[in-house]
Amino acid sequence: MPKGNTRASTKEIKSIPIVRFALIMAAVTAVLAFIFALIFALPMGMMAVIPRETMPFWGYPWSPLVFGIFAIIMWPLFAFVIGFISYAIFALIYNFLAPKIGGIRLELE
């Protein structure tokens, strides 16, 4: 809704640059995956100091620590690659459908 004397204009997104969109969205997804991996790795690191007798299902006492480090490194990498592919497909589909059914309309001031 316009406020005061400002006049809002409606703009339509007619197409999305595929590679640029996929890169920025994949980067955001990778950052979020890194944050979640840090949260996940914290209890894994704490489990590494628990005596082996209390956790026979792990096999090696350092297994949780390795799994946590693996999560910190690999989750963002996987999220970036899968995110890039997914968002590129999204942009392709959007660019195909937007001219036919209309694009997303934004109200800008």
PDB file of N, CA and C in Angstrom:
ATOM      1  N   MET A   1       0.836  -1.177   0.000  1.00  0.00           N
ATOM      2  CA  MET A   1       0.000   0.000   0.000  1.00  0.00           C
ATOM      3  C   MET A   1       0.880   1.239   0.000  1.00  0.00           C
ATOM      4  N   PRO A   2       0.558   2.194  -0.834  1.00  0.00           N
ATOM      5  CA  PRO A   2       1.320   3.440  -0.859  1.00  0.00           C
ATOM      6  C   PRO A   2       1.111   4.231   0.423  1.00  0.00           C
ATOM      7  N   LYS A   3       2.161   4.870   0.906  1.00  0.00           N
ATOM      8  CA  LYS A   3       2.079   5.691   2.107  1.00  0.00           C
ATOM      9  C   LYS A   3       2.412   7.122   1.738  1.00  0.00           C
ATOM     10  N   GLY A   4       1.631   8.046   2.201  1.00  0.00           N
ATOM     11  CA  GLY A   4       1.898   9.457   1.948  1.00  0.00           C
ATOM     12  C   GLY A   4       1.805   9.800   0.474  1.00  0.00           C
ATOM     13  N   ASN A   5       2.774  10.600   0.010  1.00  0.00           N
ATOM     14  CA  ASN A   5       2.777  11.043  -1.378  1.00  0.00           C
ATOM     15  C   ASN A   5       3.559  10.115  -2.303  1.00  0.00           C
ATOM     16  N   THR A   6       4.131   9.060  -1.768  1.00  0.00           N
ATOM     17  CA  THR A   6       4.885   8.144  -2.631  1.00  0.00           C
ATOM     18  C   THR A   6       3.919   7.359  -3.501  1.00  0.00           C
ATOM     19  N   ARG A   7       4.333   7.154  -4.719  1.00  0.00           N
ATOM     20  CA  ARG A   7       3.480   6.441  -5.661  1.00  0.00           C
ATOM     21  C   ARG A   7       4.097   5.072  -5.937  1.00  0.00           C
ATOM     22  N   ALA A   8       3.312   4.038  -5.737  1.00  0.00           N
ATOM     23  CA  ALA A   8       3.806   2.682  -5.955  1.00  0.00           C
ATOM     24  C   ALA A   8       3.600   2.299  -7.409  1.00  0.00           C
ATOM     25  N   SER A   9       4.541   1.576  -7.942  1.00  0.00           N
ATOM     26  CA  SER A   9       4.397   1.063  -9.297  1.00  0.00           C
ATOM     27  C   SER A   9       4.517  -0.455  -9.252  1.00  0.00           C
ATOM     28  N   THR A  10       3.769  -1.093 -10.109  1.00  0.00           N
ATOM     29  CA  THR A  10       3.797  -2.544 -10.173  1.00  0.00           C
ATOM     30  C   THR A  10       4.719  -2.974 -11.300  1.00  0.00           C
ATOM     31  N   LYS A  11       5.665  -3.822 -10.984  1.00  0.00           N
ATOM     32  CA  LYS A  11       6.607  -4.366 -11.963  1.00  0.00           C
ATOM     33  C   LYS A  11       6.435  -5.878 -11.999  1.00  0.00           C
ATOM     34  N   GLU A  12       6.671  -6.443 -13.168  1.00  0.00           N
ATOM     35  CA  GLU A  12       6.553  -7.888 -13.329  1.00  0.00           C
ATOM     36  C   GLU A  12       7.919  -8.480 -13.660  1.00  0.00           C
ATOM     37  N   ILE A  13       8.247  -9.570 -12.989  1.00  0.00           N
ATOM     38  CA  ILE A  13       9.486 -10.287 -13.301  1.00  0.00           C
ATOM     39  C   ILE A  13       9.196 -11.157 -14.517  1.00  0.00           C
ATOM     40  N   LYS A  14       9.753 -10.768 -15.654  1.00  0.00           N
ATOM     41  CA  LYS A  14       9.468 -11.477 -16.905  1.00  0.00           C
ATOM     42  C   LYS A  14      10.384 -12.668 -17.106  1.00  0.00           C
ATOM     43  N   SER A  15      11.617 -12.581 -16.614  1.00  0.00           N
ATOM     44  CA  SER A  15      12.536 -13.716 -16.688  1.00  0.00           C
ATOM     45  C   SER A  15      13.572 -13.592 -15.577  1.00  0.00           C
ATOM     46  N   ILE A  16      14.196 -14.708 -15.266  1.00  0.00           N
ATOM     47  CA  ILE A  16      15.207 -14.763 -14.221  1.00  0.00           C
ATOM     48  C   ILE A  16      16.519 -15.201 -14.870  1.00  0.00           C
ATOM     49  N   PRO A  17      17.620 -14.461 -14.645  1.00  0.00           N
ATOM     50  CA  PRO A  17      18.910 -14.931 -15.167  1.00  0.00           C
ATOM     51  C   PRO A  17      19.305 -16.230 -14.451  1.00  0.00           C
ATOM     52  N   ILE A  18      19.397 -17.301 -15.197  1.00  0.00           N
ATOM     53  CA  ILE A  18      19.486 -18.646 -14.624  1.00  0.00           C
ATOM     54  C   ILE A  18      20.733 -18.835 -13.758  1.00  0.00           C
ATOM     55  N   VAL A  19      21.905 -18.601 -14.307  1.00  0.00           N
ATOM     56  CA  VAL A  19      23.143 -18.883 -13.567  1.00  0.00           C
ATOM     57  C   VAL A  19      23.285 -17.952 -12.367  1.00  0.00           C
ATOM     58  N   ARG A  20      23.006 -16.687 -12.558  1.00  0.00           N
ATOM     59  CA  ARG A  20      23.141 -15.717 -11.458  1.00  0.00           C
ATOM     60  C   ARG A  20      22.184 -16.050 -10.315  1.00  0.00           C
ATOM     61  N   PHE A  21      20.927 -16.354 -10.655  1.00  0.00           N
ATOM     62  CA  PHE A  21      19.929 -16.718  -9.650  1.00  0.00           C
ATOM     63  C   PHE A  21      20.343 -17.998  -8.924  1.00  0.00           C
ATOM     64  N   ALA A  22      20.758 -19.003  -9.692  1.00  0.00           N
ATOM     65  CA  ALA A  22      21.142 -20.279  -9.090  1.00  0.00           C
ATOM     66  C   ALA A  22      22.359 -20.113  -8.177  1.00  0.00           C
ATOM     67  N   LEU A  23      23.321 -19.281  -8.576  1.00  0.00           N
ATOM     68  CA  LEU A  23      24.517 -19.072  -7.752  1.00  0.00           C
ATOM     69  C   LEU A  23      24.189 -18.406  -6.421  1.00  0.00           C
ATOM     70  N   ILE A  24      23.421 -17.327  -6.452  1.00  0.00           N
ATOM     71  CA  ILE A  24      23.135 -16.616  -5.207  1.00  0.00           C
ATOM     72  C   ILE A  24      22.263 -17.459  -4.284  1.00  0.00           C
ATOM     73  N   MET A  25      21.277 -18.146  -4.842  1.00  0.00           N
ATOM     74  CA  MET A  25      20.411 -18.975  -4.010  1.00  0.00           C
ATOM     75  C   MET A  25      21.168 -20.176  -3.446  1.00  0.00           C
ATOM     76  N   ALA A  26      22.051 -20.768  -4.240  1.00  0.00           N
ATOM     77  CA  ALA A  26      22.855 -21.892  -3.757  1.00  0.00           C
ATOM     78  C   ALA A  26      23.816 -21.432  -2.665  1.00  0.00           C
ATOM     79  N   ALA A  27      24.364 -20.233  -2.802  1.00  0.00           N
ATOM     80  CA  ALA A  27      25.259 -19.700  -1.773  1.00  0.00           C
ATOM     81  C   ALA A  27      24.507 -19.476  -0.464  1.00  0.00           C
ATOM     82  N   VAL A  28      23.303 -18.932  -0.546  1.00  0.00           N
ATOM     83  CA  VAL A  28      22.486 -18.731   0.659  1.00  0.00           C
ATOM     84  C   VAL A  28      22.160 -20.079   1.301  1.00  0.00           C
ATOM     85  N   THR A  29      21.809 -21.053   0.483  1.00  0.00           N
ATOM     86  CA  THR A  29      21.502 -22.390   0.983  1.00  0.00           C
ATOM     87  C   THR A  29      22.725 -23.011   1.658  1.00  0.00           C
ATOM     88  N   ALA A  30      23.904 -22.818   1.083  1.00  0.00           N
ATOM     89  CA  ALA A  30      25.132 -23.360   1.671  1.00  0.00           C
ATOM     90  C   ALA A  30      25.441 -22.700   3.014  1.00  0.00           C
ATOM     91  N   VAL A  31      25.211 -21.404   3.122  1.00  0.00           N
ATOM     92  CA  VAL A  31      25.436 -20.714   4.398  1.00  0.00           C
ATOM     93  C   VAL A  31      24.485 -21.257   5.465  1.00  0.00           C
ATOM     94  N   LEU A  32      23.228 -21.442   5.110  1.00  0.00           N
ATOM     95  CA  LEU A  32      22.271 -22.011   6.064  1.00  0.00           C
ATOM     96  C   LEU A  32      22.663 -23.432   6.455  1.00  0.00           C
ATOM     97  N   ALA A  33      23.110 -24.226   5.497  1.00  0.00           N
ATOM     98  CA  ALA A  33      23.555 -25.591   5.793  1.00  0.00           C
ATOM     99  C   ALA A  33      24.766 -25.577   6.722  1.00  0.00           C
ATOM    100  N   PHE A  34      25.666 -24.620   6.540  1.00  0.00           N
ATOM    101  CA  PHE A  34      26.832 -24.499   7.420  1.00  0.00           C
ATOM    102  C   PHE A  34      26.398 -24.180   8.850  1.00  0.00           C
ATOM    103  N   ILE A  35      25.441 -23.278   8.998  1.00  0.00           N
ATOM    104  CA  ILE A  35      24.934 -22.932  10.334  1.00  0.00           C
ATOM    105  C   ILE A  35      24.297 -24.153  10.987  1.00  0.00           C
ATOM    106  N   PHE A  36      23.470 -24.881  10.239  1.00  0.00           N
ATOM    107  CA  PHE A  36      22.846 -26.089  10.787  1.00  0.00           C
ATOM    108  C   PHE A  36      23.893 -27.153  11.116  1.00  0.00           C
ATOM    109  N   ALA A  37      24.940 -27.265  10.300  1.00  0.00           N
ATOM    110  CA  ALA A  37      26.002 -28.239  10.558  1.00  0.00           C
ATOM    111  C   ALA A  37      26.758 -27.889  11.837  1.00  0.00           C
ATOM    112  N   LEU A  38      26.991 -26.596  12.074  1.00  0.00           N
ATOM    113  CA  LEU A  38      27.648 -26.192  13.321  1.00  0.00           C
ATOM    114  C   LEU A  38      26.797 -26.575  14.528  1.00  0.00           C
ATOM    115  N   ILE A  39      25.498 -26.338  14.417  1.00  0.00           N
ATOM    116  CA  ILE A  39      24.588 -26.694  15.512  1.00  0.00           C
ATOM    117  C   ILE A  39      24.585 -28.206  15.721  1.00  0.00           C
ATOM    118  N   PHE A  40      24.605 -28.952  14.633  1.00  0.00           N
ATOM    119  CA  PHE A  40      24.613 -30.411  14.707  1.00  0.00           C
ATOM    120  C   PHE A  40      25.942 -30.935  15.250  1.00  0.00           C
ATOM    121  N   ALA A  41      27.046 -30.308  14.883  1.00  0.00           N
ATOM    122  CA  ALA A  41      28.374 -30.793  15.265  1.00  0.00           C
ATOM    123  C   ALA A  41      28.678 -30.570  16.744  1.00  0.00           C
ATOM    124  N   LEU A  42      28.042 -29.602  17.357  1.00  0.00           N
ATOM    125  CA  LEU A  42      28.322 -29.322  18.769  1.00  0.00           C
ATOM    126  C   LEU A  42      28.044 -30.535  19.658  1.00  0.00           C
ATOM    127  N   PRO A  43      26.856 -31.132  19.605  1.00  0.00           N
ATOM    128  CA  PRO A  43      26.652 -32.328  20.436  1.00  0.00           C
ATOM    129  C   PRO A  43      27.528 -33.510  19.995  1.00  0.00           C
ATOM    130  N   MET A  44      27.861 -33.578  18.711  1.00  0.00           N
ATOM    131  CA  MET A  44      28.745 -34.654  18.242  1.00  0.00           C
ATOM    132  C   MET A  44      30.129 -34.519  18.879  1.00  0.00           C
ATOM    133  N   GLY A  45      30.626 -33.302  18.964  1.00  0.00           N
ATOM    134  CA  GLY A  45      31.915 -33.071  19.609  1.00  0.00           C
ATOM    135  C   GLY A  45      31.876 -33.389  21.092  1.00  0.00           C
ATOM    136  N   MET A  46      30.765 -33.077  21.740  1.00  0.00           N
ATOM    137  CA  MET A  46      30.632 -33.386  23.161  1.00  0.00           C
ATOM    138  C   MET A  46      30.537 -34.894  23.380  1.00  0.00           C
ATOM    139  N   MET A  47      29.920 -35.605  22.437  1.00  0.00           N
ATOM    140  CA  MET A  47      29.811 -37.059  22.567  1.00  0.00           C
ATOM    141  C   MET A  47      31.171 -37.735  22.437  1.00  0.00           C
ATOM    142  N   ALA A  48      32.117 -37.085  21.789  1.00  0.00           N
ATOM    143  CA  ALA A  48      33.436 -37.680  21.592  1.00  0.00           C
ATOM    144  C   ALA A  48      34.205 -37.835  22.904  1.00  0.00           C
ATOM    145  N   VAL A  49      33.851 -37.074  23.928  1.00  0.00           N
ATOM    146  CA  VAL A  49      34.561 -37.169  25.203  1.00  0.00           C
ATOM    147  C   VAL A  49      33.874 -38.116  26.185  1.00  0.00           C
ATOM    148  N   ILE A  50      32.731 -38.661  25.803  1.00  0.00           N
ATOM    149  CA  ILE A  50      32.029 -39.619  26.661  1.00  0.00           C
ATOM    150  C   ILE A  50      32.766 -40.958  26.578  1.00  0.00           C
ATOM    151  N   PRO A  51      32.966 -41.633  27.689  1.00  0.00           N
ATOM    152  CA  PRO A  51      33.672 -42.927  27.653  1.00  0.00           C
ATOM    153  C   PRO A  51      32.977 -43.931  26.732  1.00  0.00           C
ATOM    154  N   ARG A  52      33.785 -44.753  26.085  1.00  0.00           N
ATOM    155  CA  ARG A  52      33.281 -45.713  25.098  1.00  0.00           C
ATOM    156  C   ARG A  52      32.311 -46.716  25.722  1.00  0.00           C
ATOM    157  N   GLU A  53      32.507 -47.071  26.948  1.00  0.00           N
ATOM    158  CA  GLU A  53      31.653 -48.065  27.606  1.00  0.00           C
ATOM    159  C   GLU A  53      30.199 -47.604  27.681  1.00  0.00           C
ATOM    160  N   THR A  54      29.987 -46.309  27.732  1.00  0.00           N
ATOM    161  CA  THR A  54      28.620 -45.800  27.824  1.00  0.00           C
ATOM    162  C   THR A  54      27.956 -45.668  26.460  1.00  0.00           C
ATOM    163  N   MET A  55      28.748 -45.766  25.386  1.00  0.00           N
ATOM    164  CA  MET A  55      28.202 -45.651  24.024  1.00  0.00           C
ATOM    165  C   MET A  55      28.748 -46.774  23.139  1.00  0.00           C
ATOM    166  N   PRO A  56      28.350 -48.009  23.371  1.00  0.00           N
ATOM    167  CA  PRO A  56      28.915 -49.106  22.584  1.00  0.00           C
ATOM    168  C   PRO A  56      28.495 -49.075  21.114  1.00  0.00           C
ATOM    169  N   PHE A  57      27.451 -48.361  20.793  1.00  0.00           N
ATOM    170  CA  PHE A  57      26.944 -48.349  19.413  1.00  0.00           C
ATOM    171  C   PHE A  57      27.802 -47.516  18.471  1.00  0.00           C
ATOM    172  N   TRP A  58      28.711 -46.701  18.991  1.00  0.00           N
ATOM    173  CA  TRP A  58      29.535 -45.863  18.116  1.00  0.00           C
ATOM    174  C   TRP A  58      30.741 -46.600  17.557  1.00  0.00           C
ATOM    175  N   GLY A  59      31.225 -47.592  18.225  1.00  0.00           N
ATOM    176  CA  GLY A  59      32.380 -48.327  17.716  1.00  0.00           C
ATOM    177  C   GLY A  59      33.691 -47.708  18.167  1.00  0.00           C
ATOM    178  N   TYR A  60      33.977 -46.510  17.758  1.00  0.00           N
ATOM    179  CA  TYR A  60      35.203 -45.808  18.140  1.00  0.00           C
ATOM    180  C   TYR A  60      34.812 -44.544  18.894  1.00  0.00           C
ATOM    181  N   PRO A  61      35.578 -44.177  19.898  1.00  0.00           N
ATOM    182  CA  PRO A  61      35.202 -42.997  20.680  1.00  0.00           C
ATOM    183  C   PRO A  61      35.240 -41.701  19.882  1.00  0.00           C
ATOM    184  N   TRP A  62      36.030 -41.628  18.827  1.00  0.00           N
ATOM    185  CA  TRP A  62      36.139 -40.398  18.046  1.00  0.00           C
ATOM    186  C   TRP A  62      35.136 -40.351  16.888  1.00  0.00           C
ATOM    187  N   SER A  63      34.304 -41.384  16.736  1.00  0.00           N
ATOM    188  CA  SER A  63      33.336 -41.414  15.630  1.00  0.00           C
ATOM    189  C   SER A  63      32.405 -40.202  15.597  1.00  0.00           C
ATOM    190  N   PRO A  64      31.814 -39.799  16.734  1.00  0.00           N
ATOM    191  CA  PRO A  64      30.931 -38.623  16.674  1.00  0.00           C
ATOM    192  C   PRO A  64      31.659 -37.363  16.233  1.00  0.00           C
ATOM    193  N   LEU A  65      32.899 -37.211  16.673  1.00  0.00           N
ATOM    194  CA  LEU A  65      33.679 -36.031  16.297  1.00  0.00           C
ATOM    195  C   LEU A  65      33.938 -36.013  14.793  1.00  0.00           C
ATOM    196  N   VAL A  66      34.315 -37.154  14.241  1.00  0.00           N
ATOM    197  CA  VAL A  66      34.551 -37.249  12.798  1.00  0.00           C
ATOM    198  C   VAL A  66      33.262 -36.970  12.040  1.00  0.00           C
ATOM    199  N   PHE A  67      32.151 -37.511  12.529  1.00  0.00           N
ATOM    200  CA  PHE A  67      30.863 -37.285  11.881  1.00  0.00           C
ATOM    201  C   PHE A  67      30.483 -35.808  11.925  1.00  0.00           C
ATOM    202  N   GLY A  68      30.752 -35.135  13.043  1.00  0.00           N
ATOM    203  CA  GLY A  68      30.466 -33.706  13.149  1.00  0.00           C
ATOM    204  C   GLY A  68      31.322 -32.874  12.213  1.00  0.00           C
ATOM    205  N   ILE A  69      32.607 -33.199  12.123  1.00  0.00           N
ATOM    206  CA  ILE A  69      33.495 -32.481  11.197  1.00  0.00           C
ATOM    207  C   ILE A  69      33.074 -32.732   9.754  1.00  0.00           C
ATOM    208  N   PHE A  70      32.711 -33.976   9.459  1.00  0.00           N
ATOM    209  CA  PHE A  70      32.214 -34.319   8.128  1.00  0.00           C
ATOM    210  C   PHE A  70      30.979 -33.478   7.789  1.00  0.00           C
ATOM    211  N   ALA A  71      30.080 -33.308   8.768  1.00  0.00           N
ATOM    212  CA  ALA A  71      28.870 -32.511   8.539  1.00  0.00           C
ATOM    213  C   ALA A  71      29.220 -31.057   8.247  1.00  0.00           C
ATOM    214  N   ILE A  72      30.169 -30.492   8.989  1.00  0.00           N
ATOM    215  CA  ILE A  72      30.545 -29.088   8.787  1.00  0.00           C
ATOM    216  C   ILE A  72      31.120 -28.872   7.390  1.00  0.00           C
ATOM    217  N   ILE A  73      31.867 -29.833   6.891  1.00  0.00           N
ATOM    218  CA  ILE A  73      32.491 -29.691   5.574  1.00  0.00           C
ATOM    219  C   ILE A  73      31.536 -30.063   4.445  1.00  0.00           C
ATOM    220  N   MET A  74      30.856 -31.187   4.590  1.00  0.00           N
ATOM    221  CA  MET A  74      30.100 -31.739   3.464  1.00  0.00           C
ATOM    222  C   MET A  74      28.690 -31.170   3.311  1.00  0.00           C
ATOM    223  N   TRP A  75      27.990 -30.882   4.406  1.00  0.00           N
ATOM    224  CA  TRP A  75      26.626 -30.368   4.272  1.00  0.00           C
ATOM    225  C   TRP A  75      26.568 -29.100   3.431  1.00  0.00           C
ATOM    226  N   PRO A  76      27.413 -28.097   3.701  1.00  0.00           N
ATOM    227  CA  PRO A  76      27.358 -26.901   2.847  1.00  0.00           C
ATOM    228  C   PRO A  76      27.719 -27.197   1.394  1.00  0.00           C
ATOM    229  N   LEU A  77      28.675 -28.087   1.187  1.00  0.00           N
ATOM    230  CA  LEU A  77      29.065 -28.440  -0.180  1.00  0.00           C
ATOM    231  C   LEU A  77      27.912 -29.115  -0.925  1.00  0.00           C
ATOM    232  N   PHE A  78      27.305 -30.107  -0.290  1.00  0.00           N
ATOM    233  CA  PHE A  78      26.158 -30.780  -0.905  1.00  0.00           C
ATOM    234  C   PHE A  78      25.000 -29.803  -1.113  1.00  0.00           C
ATOM    235  N   ALA A  79      24.764 -28.948  -0.123  1.00  0.00           N
ATOM    236  CA  ALA A  79      23.671 -27.978  -0.237  1.00  0.00           C
ATOM    237  C   ALA A  79      23.905 -27.031  -1.400  1.00  0.00           C
ATOM    238  N   PHE A  80      25.159 -26.614  -1.601  1.00  0.00           N
ATOM    239  CA  PHE A  80      25.462 -25.715  -2.712  1.00  0.00           C
ATOM    240  C   PHE A  80      25.222 -26.403  -4.051  1.00  0.00           C
ATOM    241  N   VAL A  81      25.749 -27.605  -4.213  1.00  0.00           N
ATOM    242  CA  VAL A  81      25.621 -28.316  -5.493  1.00  0.00           C
ATOM    243  C   VAL A  81      24.160 -28.641  -5.797  1.00  0.00           C
ATOM    244  N   ILE A  82      23.480 -29.236  -4.837  1.00  0.00           N
ATOM    245  CA  ILE A  82      22.076 -29.597  -5.052  1.00  0.00           C
ATOM    246  C   ILE A  82      21.224 -28.341  -5.190  1.00  0.00           C
ATOM    247  N   GLY A  83      21.520 -27.309  -4.398  1.00  0.00           N
ATOM    248  CA  GLY A  83      20.794 -26.049  -4.501  1.00  0.00           C
ATOM    249  C   GLY A  83      20.986 -25.391  -5.851  1.00  0.00           C
ATOM    250  N   PHE A  84      22.220 -25.382  -6.358  1.00  0.00           N
ATOM    251  CA  PHE A  84      22.480 -24.778  -7.665  1.00  0.00           C
ATOM    252  C   PHE A  84      21.660 -25.479  -8.749  1.00  0.00           C
ATOM    253  N   ILE A  85      21.692 -26.790  -8.749  1.00  0.00           N
ATOM    254  CA  ILE A  85      20.936 -27.549  -9.757  1.00  0.00           C
ATOM    255  C   ILE A  85      19.442 -27.281  -9.618  1.00  0.00           C
ATOM    256  N   SER A  86      18.933 -27.328  -8.391  1.00  0.00           N
ATOM    257  CA  SER A  86      17.501 -27.122  -8.152  1.00  0.00           C
ATOM    258  C   SER A  86      17.050 -25.724  -8.554  1.00  0.00           C
ATOM    259  N   TYR A  87      17.813 -24.715  -8.163  1.00  0.00           N
ATOM    260  CA  TYR A  87      17.419 -23.342  -8.479  1.00  0.00           C
ATOM    261  C   TYR A  87      17.588 -23.027  -9.959  1.00  0.00           C
ATOM    262  N   ALA A  88      18.550 -23.656 -10.623  1.00  0.00           N
ATOM    263  CA  ALA A  88      18.679 -23.480 -12.074  1.00  0.00           C
ATOM    264  C   ALA A  88      17.461 -24.074 -12.781  1.00  0.00           C
ATOM    265  N   ILE A  89      17.022 -25.243 -12.332  1.00  0.00           N
ATOM    266  CA  ILE A  89      15.813 -25.851 -12.906  1.00  0.00           C
ATOM    267  C   ILE A  89      14.603 -24.965 -12.630  1.00  0.00           C
ATOM    268  N   PHE A  90      14.523 -24.423 -11.412  1.00  0.00           N
ATOM    269  CA  PHE A  90      13.425 -23.514 -11.075  1.00  0.00           C
ATOM    270  C   PHE A  90      13.396 -22.320 -12.019  1.00  0.00           C
ATOM    271  N   ALA A  91      14.564 -21.698 -12.245  1.00  0.00           N
ATOM    272  CA  ALA A  91      14.630 -20.528 -13.125  1.00  0.00           C
ATOM    273  C   ALA A  91      14.256 -20.894 -14.558  1.00  0.00           C
ATOM    274  N   LEU A  92      14.689 -22.053 -15.024  1.00  0.00           N
ATOM    275  CA  LEU A  92      14.314 -22.505 -16.372  1.00  0.00           C
ATOM    276  C   LEU A  92      12.800 -22.657 -16.503  1.00  0.00           C
ATOM    277  N   ILE A  93      12.194 -23.297 -15.517  1.00  0.00           N
ATOM    278  CA  ILE A  93      10.738 -23.490 -15.550  1.00  0.00           C
ATOM    279  C   ILE A  93      10.026 -22.149 -15.465  1.00  0.00           C
ATOM    280  N   TYR A  94      10.511 -21.257 -14.588  1.00  0.00           N
ATOM    281  CA  TYR A  94       9.901 -19.932 -14.471  1.00  0.00           C
ATOM    282  C   TYR A  94       9.985 -19.187 -15.794  1.00  0.00           C
ATOM    283  N   ASN A  95      11.164 -19.192 -16.420  1.00  0.00           N
ATOM    284  CA  ASN A  95      11.340 -18.489 -17.693  1.00  0.00           C
ATOM    285  C   ASN A  95      10.470 -19.080 -18.794  1.00  0.00           C
ATOM    286  N   PHE A  96      10.175 -20.349 -18.710  1.00  0.00           N
ATOM    287  CA  PHE A  96       9.298 -20.986 -19.691  1.00  0.00           C
ATOM    288  C   PHE A  96       7.833 -20.613 -19.446  1.00  0.00           C
ATOM    289  N   LEU A  97       7.421 -20.583 -18.179  1.00  0.00           N
ATOM    290  CA  LEU A  97       6.011 -20.361 -17.851  1.00  0.00           C
ATOM    291  C   LEU A  97       5.616 -18.891 -17.732  1.00  0.00           C
ATOM    292  N   ALA A  98       6.515 -18.025 -17.324  1.00  0.00           N
ATOM    293  CA  ALA A  98       6.171 -16.617 -17.087  1.00  0.00           C
ATOM    294  C   ALA A  98       5.557 -15.940 -18.307  1.00  0.00           C
ATOM    295  N   PRO A  99       6.076 -16.119 -19.520  1.00  0.00           N
ATOM    296  CA  PRO A  99       5.433 -15.470 -20.666  1.00  0.00           C
ATOM    297  C   PRO A  99       4.031 -16.021 -20.959  1.00  0.00           C
ATOM    298  N   LYS A 100       3.793 -17.254 -20.581  1.00  0.00           N
ATOM    299  CA  LYS A 100       2.510 -17.897 -20.885  1.00  0.00           C
ATOM    300  C   LYS A 100       1.414 -17.558 -19.873  1.00  0.00           C
ATOM    301  N   ILE A 101       1.766 -17.570 -18.581  1.00  0.00           N
ATOM    302  CA  ILE A 101       0.745 -17.353 -17.557  1.00  0.00           C
ATOM    303  C   ILE A 101       0.962 -16.080 -16.754  1.00  0.00           C
ATOM    304  N   GLY A 102       2.025 -15.366 -17.021  1.00  0.00           N
ATOM    305  CA  GLY A 102       2.320 -14.126 -16.300  1.00  0.00           C
ATOM    306  C   GLY A 102       3.340 -14.371 -15.208  1.00  0.00           C
ATOM    307  N   GLY A 103       4.201 -13.403 -15.024  1.00  0.00           N
ATOM    308  CA  GLY A 103       5.253 -13.525 -14.024  1.00  0.00           C
ATOM    309  C   GLY A 103       4.813 -13.017 -12.667  1.00  0.00           C
ATOM    310  N   ILE A 104       5.729 -13.038 -11.731  1.00  0.00           N
ATOM    311  CA  ILE A 104       5.479 -12.526 -10.388  1.00  0.00           C
ATOM    312  C   ILE A 104       5.428 -11.011 -10.466  1.00  0.00           C
ATOM    313  N   ARG A 105       4.418 -10.427  -9.847  1.00  0.00           N
ATOM    314  CA  ARG A 105       4.272  -8.965  -9.839  1.00  0.00           C
ATOM    315  C   ARG A 105       4.681  -8.429  -8.482  1.00  0.00           C
ATOM    316  N   LEU A 106       5.507  -7.396  -8.520  1.00  0.00           N
ATOM    317  CA  LEU A 106       5.982  -6.742  -7.308  1.00  0.00           C
ATOM    318  C   LEU A 106       5.496  -5.307  -7.292  1.00  0.00           C
ATOM    319  N   GLU A 107       5.099  -4.855  -6.127  1.00  0.00           N
ATOM    320  CA  GLU A 107       4.693  -3.463  -5.980  1.00  0.00           C
ATOM    321  C   GLU A 107       5.868  -2.709  -5.371  1.00  0.00           C
ATOM    322  N   LEU A 108       6.444  -1.794  -6.139  1.00  0.00           N
ATOM    323  CA  LEU A 108       7.626  -1.046  -5.718  1.00  0.00           C
ATOM    324  C   LEU A 108       7.283   0.416  -5.486  1.00  0.00           C
ATOM    325  N   GLU A 109       7.939   1.007  -4.513  1.00  0.00           N
ATOM    326  CA  GLU A 109       7.721   2.429  -4.239  1.00  0.00           C
ATOM    327  C   GLU A 109       8.914   3.222  -4.693  1.00  0.00           C
TER     328      GLU A 109
END
